[in-house]
Amino acid sequence: LHEWRNAVVRDGEKDYLSTSGKSYVMSLTGTCMRCHSNGEAFCDRCHSYAGVRLTCWNCHVEPKGN
């Protein structure tokens, strides 16, 4: 996600082409959160495991229900 953020914010890239050939719009709230909408199950759990601080909501509006 950090690489996506840099690509979008700094380089103006909007699309990501996966190794399977599928294209995704690089958007936290518009793409990632569509499938990973449970903040406890995805965001908090992963950040806790990796031992990193969750800073997404410093810039993004946290979706309701998370």
PDB file of N, CA and C in Angstrom:
ATOM      1  N   LEU A   1       0.819  -1.200   0.000  1.00  0.00           N
ATOM      2  CA  LEU A   1       0.000   0.000   0.000  1.00  0.00           C
ATOM      3  C   LEU A   1       0.856   1.255   0.000  1.00  0.00           C
ATOM      4  N   HIS A   2       1.991   1.182   0.710  1.00  0.00           N
ATOM      5  CA  HIS A   2       2.882   2.340   0.761  1.00  0.00           C
ATOM      6  C   HIS A   2       3.426   2.649  -0.641  1.00  0.00           C
ATOM      7  N   GLU A   3       3.763   1.600  -1.388  1.00  0.00           N
ATOM      8  CA  GLU A   3       4.246   1.795  -2.764  1.00  0.00           C
ATOM      9  C   GLU A   3       3.150   2.372  -3.650  1.00  0.00           C
ATOM     10  N   TRP A   4       1.915   1.881  -3.463  1.00  0.00           N
ATOM     11  CA  TRP A   4       0.788   2.419  -4.228  1.00  0.00           C
ATOM     12  C   TRP A   4       0.600   3.889  -3.914  1.00  0.00           C
ATOM     13  N   ARG A   5       0.661   4.238  -2.643  1.00  0.00           N
ATOM     14  CA  ARG A   5       0.475   5.637  -2.247  1.00  0.00           C
ATOM     15  C   ARG A   5       1.505   6.522  -2.931  1.00  0.00           C
ATOM     16  N   ASN A   6       2.765   6.104  -2.898  1.00  0.00           N
ATOM     17  CA  ASN A   6       3.823   6.890  -3.538  1.00  0.00           C
ATOM     18  C   ASN A   6       3.606   7.007  -5.043  1.00  0.00           C
ATOM     19  N   ALA A   7       3.192   5.916  -5.668  1.00  0.00           N
ATOM     20  CA  ALA A   7       2.964   5.941  -7.115  1.00  0.00           C
ATOM     21  C   ALA A   7       1.837   6.904  -7.480  1.00  0.00           C
ATOM     22  N   VAL A   8       0.763   6.902  -6.689  1.00  0.00           N
ATOM     23  CA  VAL A   8      -0.384   7.767  -6.971  1.00  0.00           C
ATOM     24  C   VAL A   8      -0.076   9.221  -6.635  1.00  0.00           C
ATOM     25  N   VAL A   9       0.395   9.462  -5.418  1.00  0.00           N
ATOM     26  CA  VAL A   9       0.600  10.826  -4.940  1.00  0.00           C
ATOM     27  C   VAL A   9       1.790  11.499  -5.605  1.00  0.00           C
ATOM     28  N   ARG A  10       2.892  10.786  -5.721  1.00  0.00           N
ATOM     29  CA  ARG A  10       4.120  11.406  -6.230  1.00  0.00           C
ATOM     30  C   ARG A  10       4.298  11.306  -7.737  1.00  0.00           C
ATOM     31  N   ASP A  11       3.822  10.175  -8.316  1.00  0.00           N
ATOM     32  CA  ASP A  11       4.066   9.949  -9.738  1.00  0.00           C
ATOM     33  C   ASP A  11       2.817  10.079 -10.612  1.00  0.00           C
ATOM     34  N   GLY A  12       1.659  10.243  -9.997  1.00  0.00           N
ATOM     35  CA  GLY A  12       0.423  10.406 -10.747  1.00  0.00           C
ATOM     36  C   GLY A  12      -0.098   9.138 -11.405  1.00  0.00           C
ATOM     37  N   GLU A  13       0.447   7.972 -11.015  1.00  0.00           N
ATOM     38  CA  GLU A  13      -0.036   6.706 -11.563  1.00  0.00           C
ATOM     39  C   GLU A  13      -1.361   6.356 -10.913  1.00  0.00           C
ATOM     40  N   LYS A  14      -2.273   5.823 -11.687  1.00  0.00           N
ATOM     41  CA  LYS A  14      -3.601   5.485 -11.159  1.00  0.00           C
ATOM     42  C   LYS A  14      -3.938   4.012 -11.304  1.00  0.00           C
ATOM     43  N   ASP A  15      -3.262   3.300 -12.215  1.00  0.00           N
ATOM     44  CA  ASP A  15      -3.598   1.907 -12.490  1.00  0.00           C
ATOM     45  C   ASP A  15      -2.454   0.975 -12.122  1.00  0.00           C
ATOM     46  N   TYR A  16      -2.831  -0.195 -11.599  1.00  0.00           N
ATOM     47  CA  TYR A  16      -1.874  -1.233 -11.240  1.00  0.00           C
ATOM     48  C   TYR A  16      -2.206  -2.470 -12.063  1.00  0.00           C
ATOM     49  N   LEU A  17      -1.210  -3.055 -12.706  1.00  0.00           N
ATOM     50  CA  LEU A  17      -1.394  -4.275 -13.483  1.00  0.00           C
ATOM     51  C   LEU A  17      -0.769  -5.419 -12.692  1.00  0.00           C
ATOM     52  N   SER A  18      -1.606  -6.358 -12.235  1.00  0.00           N
ATOM     53  CA  SER A  18      -1.120  -7.477 -11.425  1.00  0.00           C
ATOM     54  C   SER A  18      -0.389  -8.488 -12.290  1.00  0.00           C
ATOM     55  N   THR A  19       0.295  -9.402 -11.626  1.00  0.00           N
ATOM     56  CA  THR A  19       1.028 -10.435 -12.358  1.00  0.00           C
ATOM     57  C   THR A  19       0.078 -11.357 -13.124  1.00  0.00           C
ATOM     58  N   SER A  20      -1.190 -11.408 -12.708  1.00  0.00           N
ATOM     59  CA  SER A  20      -2.178 -12.229 -13.424  1.00  0.00           C
ATOM     60  C   SER A  20      -2.732 -11.508 -14.648  1.00  0.00           C
ATOM     61  N   GLY A  21      -2.363 -10.232 -14.809  1.00  0.00           N
ATOM     62  CA  GLY A  21      -2.833  -9.455 -15.948  1.00  0.00           C
ATOM     63  C   GLY A  21      -4.064  -8.609 -15.666  1.00  0.00           C
ATOM     64  N   LYS A  22      -4.604  -8.714 -14.450  1.00  0.00           N
ATOM     65  CA  LYS A  22      -5.780  -7.915 -14.081  1.00  0.00           C
ATOM     66  C   LYS A  22      -5.344  -6.508 -13.689  1.00  0.00           C
ATOM     67  N   SER A  23      -6.122  -5.530 -14.102  1.00  0.00           N
ATOM     68  CA  SER A  23      -5.826  -4.127 -13.804  1.00  0.00           C
ATOM     69  C   SER A  23      -6.691  -3.644 -12.645  1.00  0.00           C
ATOM     70  N   TYR A  24      -6.092  -2.891 -11.737  1.00  0.00           N
ATOM     71  CA  TYR A  24      -6.794  -2.322 -10.583  1.00  0.00           C
ATOM     72  C   TYR A  24      -6.539  -0.829 -10.510  1.00  0.00           C
ATOM     73  N   VAL A  25      -7.552  -0.070 -10.081  1.00  0.00           N
ATOM     74  CA  VAL A  25      -7.364   1.346  -9.784  1.00  0.00           C
ATOM     75  C   VAL A  25      -6.700   1.407  -8.408  1.00  0.00           C
ATOM     76  N   MET A  26      -5.613   2.131  -8.297  1.00  0.00           N
ATOM     77  CA  MET A  26      -4.891   2.222  -7.028  1.00  0.00           C
ATOM     78  C   MET A  26      -5.596   3.228  -6.120  1.00  0.00           C
ATOM     79  N   SER A  27      -6.502   2.717  -5.285  1.00  0.00           N
ATOM     80  CA  SER A  27      -7.296   3.553  -4.394  1.00  0.00           C
ATOM     81  C   SER A  27      -7.607   2.774  -3.121  1.00  0.00           C
ATOM     82  N   LEU A  28      -7.222   3.326  -1.981  1.00  0.00           N
ATOM     83  CA  LEU A  28      -7.491   2.664  -0.701  1.00  0.00           C
ATOM     84  C   LEU A  28      -8.991   2.502  -0.488  1.00  0.00           C
ATOM     85  N   THR A  29      -9.716   3.612  -0.519  1.00  0.00           N
ATOM     86  CA  THR A  29     -11.148   3.553  -0.228  1.00  0.00           C
ATOM     87  C   THR A  29     -11.966   3.077  -1.423  1.00  0.00           C
ATOM     88  N   GLY A  30     -11.513   3.313  -2.638  1.00  0.00           N
ATOM     89  CA  GLY A  30     -12.273   2.933  -3.818  1.00  0.00           C
ATOM     90  C   GLY A  30     -12.039   1.510  -4.288  1.00  0.00           C
ATOM     91  N   THR A  31     -10.901   0.927  -3.954  1.00  0.00           N
ATOM     92  CA  THR A  31     -10.573  -0.422  -4.413  1.00  0.00           C
ATOM     93  C   THR A  31     -10.361  -1.373  -3.240  1.00  0.00           C
ATOM     94  N   CYS A  32      -9.376  -1.110  -2.406  1.00  0.00           N
ATOM     95  CA  CYS A  32      -9.015  -2.026  -1.314  1.00  0.00           C
ATOM     96  C   CYS A  32     -10.169  -2.265  -0.348  1.00  0.00           C
ATOM     97  N   MET A  33     -10.814  -1.184   0.055  1.00  0.00           N
ATOM     98  CA  MET A  33     -11.849  -1.280   1.079  1.00  0.00           C
ATOM     99  C   MET A  33     -13.139  -1.930   0.571  1.00  0.00           C
ATOM    100  N   ARG A  34     -13.265  -2.125  -0.733  1.00  0.00           N
ATOM    101  CA  ARG A  34     -14.453  -2.826  -1.252  1.00  0.00           C
ATOM    102  C   ARG A  34     -14.472  -4.272  -0.770  1.00  0.00           C
ATOM    103  N   CYS A  35     -13.321  -4.920  -0.763  1.00  0.00           N
ATOM    104  CA  CYS A  35     -13.240  -6.315  -0.308  1.00  0.00           C
ATOM    105  C   CYS A  35     -12.781  -6.413   1.141  1.00  0.00           C
ATOM    106  N   HIS A  36     -11.923  -5.501   1.534  1.00  0.00           N
ATOM    107  CA  HIS A  36     -11.331  -5.540   2.873  1.00  0.00           C
ATOM    108  C   HIS A  36     -11.935  -4.434   3.731  1.00  0.00           C
ATOM    109  N   SER A  37     -13.247  -4.497   3.922  1.00  0.00           N
ATOM    110  CA  SER A  37     -13.940  -3.414   4.624  1.00  0.00           C
ATOM    111  C   SER A  37     -13.943  -3.562   6.135  1.00  0.00           C
ATOM    112  N   ASN A  38     -13.552  -4.722   6.647  1.00  0.00           N
ATOM    113  CA  ASN A  38     -13.532  -4.928   8.087  1.00  0.00           C
ATOM    114  C   ASN A  38     -12.165  -4.510   8.626  1.00  0.00           C
ATOM    115  N   GLY A  39     -12.094  -3.325   9.201  1.00  0.00           N
ATOM    116  CA  GLY A  39     -10.833  -2.778   9.700  1.00  0.00           C
ATOM    117  C   GLY A  39     -10.150  -3.655  10.724  1.00  0.00           C
ATOM    118  N   GLU A  40     -10.921  -4.286  11.606  1.00  0.00           N
ATOM    119  CA  GLU A  40     -10.326  -5.162  12.627  1.00  0.00           C
ATOM    120  C   GLU A  40      -9.702  -6.397  11.995  1.00  0.00           C
ATOM    121  N   ALA A  41     -10.402  -7.000  11.054  1.00  0.00           N
ATOM    122  CA  ALA A  41      -9.941  -8.244  10.440  1.00  0.00           C
ATOM    123  C   ALA A  41      -8.764  -8.035   9.492  1.00  0.00           C
ATOM    124  N   PHE A  42      -8.719  -6.905   8.825  1.00  0.00           N
ATOM    125  CA  PHE A  42      -7.671  -6.692   7.838  1.00  0.00           C
ATOM    126  C   PHE A  42      -6.638  -5.665   8.294  1.00  0.00           C
ATOM    127  N   CYS A  43      -7.029  -4.424   8.441  1.00  0.00           N
ATOM    128  CA  CYS A  43      -6.085  -3.346   8.751  1.00  0.00           C
ATOM    129  C   CYS A  43      -5.379  -3.564  10.088  1.00  0.00           C
ATOM    130  N   ASP A  44      -6.158  -3.639  11.161  1.00  0.00           N
ATOM    131  CA  ASP A  44      -5.582  -3.741  12.499  1.00  0.00           C
ATOM    132  C   ASP A  44      -4.758  -5.008  12.662  1.00  0.00           C
ATOM    133  N   ARG A  45      -5.295  -6.120  12.188  1.00  0.00           N
ATOM    134  CA  ARG A  45      -4.608  -7.406  12.338  1.00  0.00           C
ATOM    135  C   ARG A  45      -3.265  -7.407  11.608  1.00  0.00           C
ATOM    136  N   CYS A  46      -3.228  -6.928  10.397  1.00  0.00           N
ATOM    137  CA  CYS A  46      -1.998  -6.909   9.601  1.00  0.00           C
ATOM    138  C   CYS A  46      -0.976  -5.939  10.189  1.00  0.00           C
ATOM    139  N   HIS A  47      -1.443  -4.739  10.561  1.00  0.00           N
ATOM    140  CA  HIS A  47      -0.524  -3.759  11.128  1.00  0.00           C
ATOM    141  C   HIS A  47       0.030  -4.217  12.458  1.00  0.00           C
ATOM    142  N   SER A  48      -0.773  -4.883  13.259  1.00  0.00           N
ATOM    143  CA  SER A  48      -0.299  -5.420  14.536  1.00  0.00           C
ATOM    144  C   SER A  48       0.747  -6.501  14.296  1.00  0.00           C
ATOM    145  N   TYR A  49       0.483  -7.392  13.355  1.00  0.00           N
ATOM    146  CA  TYR A  49       1.404  -8.475  13.036  1.00  0.00           C
ATOM    147  C   TYR A  49       2.749  -7.918  12.557  1.00  0.00           C
ATOM    148  N   ALA A  50       2.687  -6.906  11.699  1.00  0.00           N
ATOM    149  CA  ALA A  50       3.904  -6.319  11.136  1.00  0.00           C
ATOM    150  C   ALA A  50       4.582  -5.344  12.092  1.00  0.00           C
ATOM    151  N   GLY A  51       3.873  -4.962  13.150  1.00  0.00           N
ATOM    152  CA  GLY A  51       4.444  -4.028  14.122  1.00  0.00           C
ATOM    153  C   GLY A  51       4.609  -2.623  13.581  1.00  0.00           C
ATOM    154  N   VAL A  52       3.680  -2.212  12.716  1.00  0.00           N
ATOM    155  CA  VAL A  52       3.742  -0.863  12.149  1.00  0.00           C
ATOM    156  C   VAL A  52       2.512  -0.064  12.554  1.00  0.00           C
ATOM    157  N   ARG A  53       2.672   1.239  12.570  1.00  0.00           N
ATOM    158  CA  ARG A  53       1.603   2.144  12.977  1.00  0.00           C
ATOM    159  C   ARG A  53       0.641   2.390  11.815  1.00  0.00           C
ATOM    160  N   LEU A  54      -0.646   2.329  12.094  1.00  0.00           N
ATOM    161  CA  LEU A  54      -1.690   2.563  11.100  1.00  0.00           C
ATOM    162  C   LEU A  54      -1.874   4.066  10.919  1.00  0.00           C
ATOM    163  N   THR A  55      -1.547   4.576   9.723  1.00  0.00           N
ATOM    164  CA  THR A  55      -1.640   6.019   9.474  1.00  0.00           C
ATOM    165  C   THR A  55      -2.583   6.369   8.326  1.00  0.00           C
ATOM    166  N   CYS A  56      -3.280   5.383   7.791  1.00  0.00           N
ATOM    167  CA  CYS A  56      -4.162   5.615   6.631  1.00  0.00           C
ATOM    168  C   CYS A  56      -5.187   6.708   6.903  1.00  0.00           C
ATOM    169  N   TRP A  57      -5.742   6.676   8.126  1.00  0.00           N
ATOM    170  CA  TRP A  57      -6.852   7.575   8.437  1.00  0.00           C
ATOM    171  C   TRP A  57      -6.379   8.980   8.800  1.00  0.00           C
ATOM    172  N   ASN A  58      -5.081   9.235   8.709  1.00  0.00           N
ATOM    173  CA  ASN A  58      -4.577  10.602   8.850  1.00  0.00           C
ATOM    174  C   ASN A  58      -4.998  11.437   7.638  1.00  0.00           C
ATOM    175  N   CYS A  59      -5.110  10.774   6.481  1.00  0.00           N
ATOM    176  CA  CYS A  59      -5.489  11.463   5.250  1.00  0.00           C
ATOM    177  C   CYS A  59      -6.861  11.030   4.730  1.00  0.00           C
ATOM    178  N   HIS A  60      -7.194   9.747   4.900  1.00  0.00           N
ATOM    179  CA  HIS A  60      -8.438   9.194   4.382  1.00  0.00           C
ATOM    180  C   HIS A  60      -9.509   9.198   5.454  1.00  0.00           C
ATOM    181  N   VAL A  61     -10.759   9.296   5.018  1.00  0.00           N
ATOM    182  CA  VAL A  61     -11.892   9.215   5.934  1.00  0.00           C
ATOM    183  C   VAL A  61     -12.179   7.737   6.160  1.00  0.00           C
ATOM    184  N   GLU A  62     -12.148   7.315   7.417  1.00  0.00           N
ATOM    185  CA  GLU A  62     -12.393   5.903   7.718  1.00  0.00           C
ATOM    186  C   GLU A  62     -13.846   5.563   7.421  1.00  0.00           C
ATOM    187  N   PRO A  63     -14.062   4.500   6.617  1.00  0.00           N
ATOM    188  CA  PRO A  63     -15.430   4.111   6.286  1.00  0.00           C
ATOM    189  C   PRO A  63     -16.223   3.733   7.538  1.00  0.00           C
ATOM    190  N   LYS A  64     -17.503   3.986   7.528  1.00  0.00           N
ATOM    191  CA  LYS A  64     -18.373   3.643   8.659  1.00  0.00           C
ATOM    192  C   LYS A  64     -18.401   2.131   8.818  1.00  0.00           C
ATOM    193  N   GLY A  65     -18.469   1.676  10.059  1.00  0.00           N
ATOM    194  CA  GLY A  65     -18.529   0.256  10.340  1.00  0.00           C
ATOM    195  C   GLY A  65     -17.187  -0.382  10.555  1.00  0.00           C
ATOM    196  N   ASN A  66     -16.117   0.374  10.459  1.00  0.00           N
ATOM    197  CA  ASN A  66     -14.765  -0.186  10.682  1.00  0.00           C
ATOM    198  C   ASN A  66     -14.334   0.035  12.101  1.00  0.00           C
TER     199      ASN A  66
END
